[in-house]
Amino acid sequence: MIQALTFDFWDTLAADDSDEPKRAQMGLPSKADERVVLFVDHIIRRYPHIEPDDAAQAYRQANARFREEWRNHHQTPSVHRRLSYAYDCLGLTAPPGKYAAFLHEVNELARAIETMEVRIPPDFAPHVHPTLAALAQRYTLGIISDTIHTTGRGVRQLLYQHDLLQYFRLFLFSDEVGESKPSPRIFRRASLELGLPPHMIAHIGDREANDIAGPLAVGMRAILYTGIVDRGSASTRAHAVCRDLRQLPYIVQRMS
């Protein structure tokens, strides 16, 4: 019998990039473009000998290194670490005797990037409030989420702002636990922290490789959620497909 449910966050509880139309209405660039602009401005103010195109290319190379570590090593380096990769690409180090000031400036840039989706928040999935309220009455709820730019702390803040934090008892964010999906270790950790064998836990998420293959590898149940984006439900290995969050309580009950 299923006794706990864990959720992915992006494109499961919240619609990733649903903040982009809001940014456009405010006359702001896309998040991806603004991150590059923030980094380039940061660099050329401090190192005027560096060309803006070179700074932008360094940031893109740092992003590529991040993606390689995420996909191949199941880790999500922090934004601060990603910035250090870009600095390495440019051959930059802290000036002698000014390490504290250098670190402060990098930390400020990292925070600007990390809080971008908190300052202009995404939309949450339709029917998320009543669905979580109903599920929390019967199951222990948790979140297992990779953190790409917004930290686990930022995701908690988004949940709190939308009065959703109250429903969850477990939080496993890749920047905090040092593992990202589909590593079996993060799902085994969920089992240990919930005090339940894996077969009593169902994970809900939108990505086959991360949210279905990951939990299946440790014996958990898996539900593919397609209410925001369908990433291949026709060929999924999930135990069930949920296309509308209102269906989720019934799907879980049938699986039990």
Protein backbone atom coordinates (compact mmCIF):
# COMPACT_ATOMS: atom_id res chain seq x y z
CA MET A 1 0.00 0.00 0.00
CA ILE A 2 1.32 3.44 -0.92
CA GLN A 3 1.90 5.61 2.12
CA ALA A 4 3.99 8.47 0.73
CA LEU A 5 4.22 10.52 -2.44
CA THR A 6 7.19 12.50 -3.69
CA PHE A 7 6.93 15.18 -6.35
CA ASP A 8 9.24 16.76 -8.86
CA PHE A 9 8.91 20.55 -8.78
CA TRP A 10 9.56 22.05 -12.22
CA ASP A 11 6.89 21.18 -14.80
CA THR A 12 5.10 19.10 -12.20
CA LEU A 13 4.08 21.46 -9.40
CA ALA A 14 5.16 24.65 -11.19
CA ALA A 15 5.33 25.43 -14.91
CA ASP A 16 8.92 26.11 -15.84
CA ASP A 17 9.27 29.21 -18.03
CA SER A 18 5.70 30.35 -17.34
CA ASP A 19 7.43 33.43 -15.96
CA GLU A 20 8.77 34.31 -19.42
CA PRO A 21 5.56 36.03 -20.65
CA LYS A 22 5.54 38.05 -17.44
CA ARG A 23 9.11 39.13 -18.05
CA ALA A 24 8.26 40.10 -21.63
CA GLN A 25 5.33 42.23 -20.44
CA MET A 26 7.71 44.01 -18.07
CA GLY A 27 10.12 44.69 -20.94
CA LEU A 28 12.73 42.30 -19.55
CA PRO A 29 14.85 39.88 -21.56
CA SER A 30 14.43 36.15 -21.22
CA LYS A 31 15.98 34.53 -18.17
CA ALA A 32 18.70 32.92 -20.27
CA ASP A 33 19.60 36.24 -21.89
CA GLU A 34 19.53 38.14 -18.61
CA ARG A 35 21.90 35.67 -16.98
CA VAL A 36 24.39 36.24 -19.76
CA VAL A 37 23.93 40.01 -19.53
CA LEU A 38 24.44 39.97 -15.76
CA PHE A 39 27.66 37.99 -16.12
CA VAL A 40 29.02 40.07 -19.01
CA ASP A 41 28.27 43.36 -17.21
CA HIS A 42 29.88 41.97 -14.06
CA ILE A 43 33.05 41.02 -15.96
CA ILE A 44 33.57 44.06 -18.17
CA ARG A 45 33.10 46.48 -15.25
CA ARG A 46 35.92 44.76 -13.38
CA TYR A 47 38.09 43.58 -16.25
CA PRO A 48 37.76 46.16 -19.07
CA HIS A 49 40.39 44.37 -21.16
CA ILE A 50 37.98 41.45 -21.70
CA GLU A 51 35.67 41.68 -24.69
CA PRO A 52 31.94 41.25 -24.02
CA ASP A 53 31.71 38.44 -26.59
CA ASP A 54 34.48 36.56 -24.83
CA ALA A 55 32.70 36.92 -21.48
CA ALA A 56 29.43 35.69 -22.99
CA GLN A 57 31.19 32.71 -24.55
CA ALA A 58 32.80 31.85 -21.21
CA TYR A 59 29.39 31.79 -19.54
CA ARG A 60 28.02 29.51 -22.27
CA GLN A 61 30.96 27.17 -21.81
CA ALA A 62 30.28 27.10 -18.07
CA ASN A 63 26.67 26.17 -18.81
CA ALA A 64 27.84 23.34 -21.06
CA ARG A 65 30.06 22.03 -18.27
CA PHE A 66 27.11 22.21 -15.89
CA ARG A 67 24.94 20.18 -18.27
CA GLU A 68 27.66 17.55 -18.62
CA GLU A 69 27.91 17.12 -14.85
CA TRP A 70 24.13 17.09 -14.47
CA ARG A 71 23.44 14.53 -17.18
CA ASN A 72 26.49 12.29 -16.85
CA HIS A 73 27.42 12.54 -13.18
CA HIS A 74 24.00 13.24 -11.60
CA GLN A 75 25.12 16.39 -9.84
CA THR A 76 24.00 20.00 -10.19
CA PRO A 77 26.86 22.39 -9.43
CA SER A 78 25.71 25.56 -7.71
CA VAL A 79 25.36 28.85 -9.53
CA HIS A 80 28.47 30.01 -7.67
CA ARG A 81 30.37 26.99 -9.00
CA ARG A 82 29.08 27.66 -12.50
CA LEU A 83 30.39 31.23 -12.27
CA SER A 84 33.76 29.89 -11.19
CA TYR A 85 33.80 27.71 -14.32
CA ALA A 86 33.24 30.85 -16.41
CA TYR A 87 36.03 32.66 -14.56
CA ASP A 88 38.31 29.71 -15.30
CA CYS A 89 37.46 29.97 -18.99
CA LEU A 90 38.58 33.60 -18.92
CA GLY A 91 41.71 32.83 -16.89
CA LEU A 92 40.56 35.06 -14.04
CA THR A 93 41.43 34.67 -10.37
CA ALA A 94 40.99 36.82 -7.30
CA PRO A 95 43.36 39.82 -7.26
CA PRO A 96 46.14 39.50 -4.66
CA GLY A 97 44.97 40.68 -1.26
CA LYS A 98 41.39 41.19 -2.42
CA TYR A 99 39.92 37.71 -2.12
CA ALA A 100 37.18 38.75 0.33
CA ALA A 101 35.96 41.55 -1.92
CA PHE A 102 36.20 39.26 -4.96
CA LEU A 103 34.15 36.56 -3.23
CA HIS A 104 31.54 39.10 -2.12
CA GLU A 105 31.07 40.33 -5.70
CA VAL A 106 30.71 36.78 -7.06
CA ASN A 107 28.24 35.92 -4.30
CA GLU A 108 26.14 38.96 -5.15
CA LEU A 109 26.03 37.93 -8.81
CA ALA A 110 25.12 34.36 -7.85
CA ARG A 111 22.26 35.60 -5.68
CA ALA A 112 20.91 37.77 -8.50
CA ILE A 113 20.78 34.69 -10.73
CA GLU A 114 19.46 32.32 -8.05
CA THR A 115 16.55 34.59 -7.07
CA MET A 116 15.41 35.47 -10.59
CA GLU A 117 12.55 32.96 -10.52
CA VAL A 118 11.59 33.98 -6.98
CA ARG A 119 11.32 37.67 -7.83
CA ILE A 120 9.17 36.91 -10.90
CA PRO A 121 7.60 33.57 -9.97
CA PRO A 122 6.28 30.87 -12.26
CA ASP A 123 2.66 29.78 -12.43
CA PHE A 124 1.75 26.67 -10.51
CA ALA A 125 0.00 23.68 -12.06
CA PRO A 126 -3.78 23.87 -12.38
CA HIS A 127 -5.64 22.44 -9.38
CA VAL A 128 -2.44 22.07 -7.35
CA HIS A 129 -3.91 23.47 -4.13
CA PRO A 130 -6.96 21.20 -3.72
CA THR A 131 -5.05 18.18 -4.98
CA LEU A 132 -2.22 18.55 -2.46
CA ALA A 133 -4.67 19.30 0.33
CA ALA A 134 -6.56 16.10 -0.41
CA LEU A 135 -3.43 13.97 -0.77
CA ALA A 136 -1.84 15.32 2.42
CA GLN A 137 -4.76 13.93 4.41
CA ARG A 138 -3.89 10.37 3.38
CA TYR A 139 -0.18 10.36 2.48
CA THR A 140 3.11 11.85 3.60
CA LEU A 141 4.23 14.22 0.86
CA GLY A 142 7.74 15.17 -0.20
CA ILE A 143 9.66 16.88 -2.98
CA ILE A 144 12.63 15.48 -4.88
CA SER A 145 13.85 18.15 -7.27
CA ASP A 146 16.95 19.09 -9.21
CA THR A 147 18.05 22.70 -8.81
CA ILE A 148 19.32 24.25 -12.02
CA HIS A 149 19.37 27.95 -11.14
CA THR A 150 16.88 28.38 -8.29
CA THR A 151 18.18 26.80 -5.09
CA GLY A 152 16.26 24.54 -2.74
CA ARG A 153 15.87 27.56 -0.50
CA GLY A 154 14.32 29.47 -3.40
CA VAL A 155 11.90 26.64 -4.20
CA ARG A 156 10.81 26.54 -0.56
CA GLN A 157 10.17 30.28 -0.77
CA LEU A 158 8.03 29.82 -3.89
CA LEU A 159 6.03 27.10 -2.14
CA TYR A 160 5.60 29.31 0.90
CA GLN A 161 4.47 32.29 -1.19
CA HIS A 162 1.75 30.12 -2.73
CA ASP A 163 0.71 28.55 0.60
CA LEU A 164 1.89 25.10 -0.51
CA LEU A 165 4.85 24.54 1.81
CA GLN A 166 2.53 23.29 4.55
CA TYR A 167 1.71 20.09 2.68
CA PHE A 168 5.26 18.70 2.50
CA ARG A 169 7.29 16.87 5.11
CA LEU A 170 10.35 15.87 3.07
CA PHE A 171 12.58 18.03 0.87
CA LEU A 172 15.46 16.63 -1.17
CA PHE A 173 17.01 19.25 -3.43
CA SER A 174 20.04 18.38 -5.51
CA ASP A 175 22.04 21.41 -4.37
CA GLU A 176 21.54 20.41 -0.74
CA VAL A 177 22.06 16.63 -0.90
CA GLY A 178 24.79 16.51 -3.56
CA GLU A 179 22.88 14.15 -5.84
CA SER A 180 20.45 14.76 -8.66
CA LYS A 181 17.92 12.57 -10.40
CA PRO A 182 17.97 9.88 -11.66
CA SER A 183 20.70 8.81 -9.22
CA PRO A 184 19.26 5.94 -7.15
CA ARG A 185 20.93 7.39 -4.08
CA ILE A 186 18.54 10.34 -3.88
CA PHE A 187 15.53 8.04 -4.10
CA ARG A 188 16.98 5.63 -1.53
CA ARG A 189 17.55 8.61 0.74
CA ALA A 190 13.87 9.50 0.39
CA SER A 191 12.96 5.96 1.45
CA LEU A 192 15.26 6.18 4.48
CA GLU A 193 14.06 9.61 5.58
CA LEU A 194 10.42 8.65 5.15
CA GLY A 195 10.99 5.42 7.05
CA LEU A 196 9.21 3.41 4.37
CA PRO A 197 10.27 0.67 1.95
CA PRO A 198 10.46 1.92 -1.64
CA HIS A 199 7.38 0.03 -2.82
CA MET A 200 5.27 2.11 -0.44
CA ILE A 201 6.35 5.36 -2.12
CA ALA A 202 5.21 6.77 -5.48
CA HIS A 203 7.11 9.52 -7.26
CA ILE A 204 5.35 11.94 -9.61
CA GLY A 205 7.25 13.87 -12.26
CA ASP A 206 7.42 14.90 -15.91
CA ARG A 207 10.74 13.47 -17.16
CA GLU A 208 11.08 9.82 -18.14
CA ALA A 209 14.83 9.64 -17.51
CA ASN A 210 14.74 11.45 -14.17
CA ASP A 211 11.31 10.90 -12.64
CA ILE A 212 10.43 7.45 -13.96
CA ALA A 213 13.67 5.53 -14.48
CA GLY A 214 15.10 6.87 -11.21
CA PRO A 215 12.39 5.67 -8.82
CA LEU A 216 11.83 2.42 -10.75
CA ALA A 217 15.50 1.54 -10.27
CA VAL A 218 15.04 1.39 -6.48
CA GLY A 219 11.62 -0.26 -6.43
CA MET A 220 9.45 2.83 -6.03
CA ARG A 221 6.26 3.39 -7.97
CA ALA A 222 6.36 6.06 -10.67
CA ILE A 223 3.67 8.31 -12.18
CA LEU A 224 4.35 10.43 -15.26
CA TYR A 225 2.64 13.83 -15.07
CA THR A 226 1.80 15.41 -18.44
CA GLY A 227 -0.49 18.25 -17.36
CA ILE A 228 2.12 20.91 -18.17
CA VAL A 229 4.22 19.19 -20.83
CA ASP A 230 4.07 15.71 -22.32
CA ARG A 231 7.58 14.34 -22.72
CA GLY A 232 6.75 10.96 -24.25
CA SER A 233 3.82 9.43 -22.41
CA ALA A 234 3.19 7.06 -25.33
CA SER A 235 6.35 5.10 -24.49
CA THR A 236 6.63 5.61 -20.74
CA ARG A 237 7.58 2.87 -18.31
CA ALA A 238 5.61 4.58 -15.54
CA HIS A 239 3.00 2.67 -13.60
CA ALA A 240 0.48 5.34 -14.57
CA VAL A 241 0.11 8.59 -16.49
CA CYS A 242 -1.60 11.60 -14.89
CA ARG A 243 -2.79 14.26 -17.34
CA ASP A 244 -4.72 16.37 -14.83
CA LEU A 245 -3.80 16.77 -11.15
CA ARG A 246 -7.42 16.23 -10.21
CA GLN A 247 -6.95 12.62 -11.34
CA LEU A 248 -3.98 12.01 -9.07
CA PRO A 249 -5.80 10.93 -5.86
CA TYR A 250 -7.75 8.34 -7.84
CA ILE A 251 -4.65 7.11 -9.68
CA VAL A 252 -2.75 6.63 -6.43
CA GLN A 253 -5.70 4.91 -4.80
CA ARG A 254 -5.95 2.43 -7.69
CA MET A 255 -2.22 1.73 -7.49
CA SER A 256 -2.54 0.90 -3.82
